[in-house]
Amino acid sequence: QLALDPVNHTKRLAKIHLRVTGRVRQRDEHFL
């Protein structure tokens, strides 16, 4: 399924990446 729809898979990975980086950024700002 993922191989049949690489665009959707990439979008999903990008969304997860943004969520994770956003969480890390919030945590860093909290410690500052």
C-alpha atoms as a PDB file:
ATOM      1  CA  GLN A   1       0.000   0.000   0.000  1.00  0.00           C
ATOM      2  CA  LEU A   2       2.750   2.437   0.940  1.00  0.00           C
ATOM      3  CA  ALA A   3       4.682   1.513  -2.184  1.00  0.00           C
ATOM      4  CA  LEU A   4       1.585   2.233  -4.265  1.00  0.00           C
ATOM      5  CA  ASP A   5       1.180   5.693  -2.733  1.00  0.00           C
ATOM      6  CA  PRO A   6       4.611   7.194  -1.969  1.00  0.00           C
ATOM      7  CA  VAL A   7       3.267  10.757  -1.973  1.00  0.00           C
ATOM      8  CA  ASN A   8       0.822  10.056   0.832  1.00  0.00           C
ATOM      9  CA  HIS A   9       3.538   8.237   2.759  1.00  0.00           C
ATOM     10  CA  THR A  10       5.901  11.204   2.380  1.00  0.00           C
ATOM     11  CA  LYS A  11       3.229  13.640   3.545  1.00  0.00           C
ATOM     12  CA  ARG A  12       2.555  11.456   6.575  1.00  0.00           C
ATOM     13  CA  LEU A  13       6.257  11.323   7.439  1.00  0.00           C
ATOM     14  CA  ALA A  14       6.552  15.094   7.016  1.00  0.00           C
ATOM     15  CA  LYS A  15       3.569  15.648   9.306  1.00  0.00           C
ATOM     16  CA  ILE A  16       5.066  13.360  11.970  1.00  0.00           C
ATOM     17  CA  HIS A  17       8.441  15.092  11.598  1.00  0.00           C
ATOM     18  CA  LEU A  18       6.877  18.529  12.058  1.00  0.00           C
ATOM     19  CA  ARG A  19       4.991  17.328  15.119  1.00  0.00           C
ATOM     20  CA  VAL A  20       8.138  15.854  16.686  1.00  0.00           C
ATOM     21  CA  THR A  21      10.330  18.881  15.922  1.00  0.00           C
ATOM     22  CA  GLY A  22       7.615  21.203  17.253  1.00  0.00           C
ATOM     23  CA  ARG A  23       7.456  19.221  20.474  1.00  0.00           C
ATOM     24  CA  VAL A  24      11.241  19.348  20.865  1.00  0.00           C
ATOM     25  CA  ARG A  25      11.243  23.105  20.185  1.00  0.00           C
ATOM     26  CA  GLN A  26       8.560  23.672  22.853  1.00  0.00           C
ATOM     27  CA  ARG A  27      10.556  21.580  25.320  1.00  0.00           C
ATOM     28  CA  ASP A  28      13.738  23.578  24.614  1.00  0.00           C
ATOM     29  CA  GLU A  29      11.892  26.881  25.080  1.00  0.00           C
ATOM     30  CA  HIS A  30      10.441  25.549  28.330  1.00  0.00           C
ATOM     31  CA  PHE A  31      13.926  24.795  29.670  1.00  0.00           C
ATOM     32  CA  LEU A  32      15.130  28.227  28.594  1.00  0.00           C
END
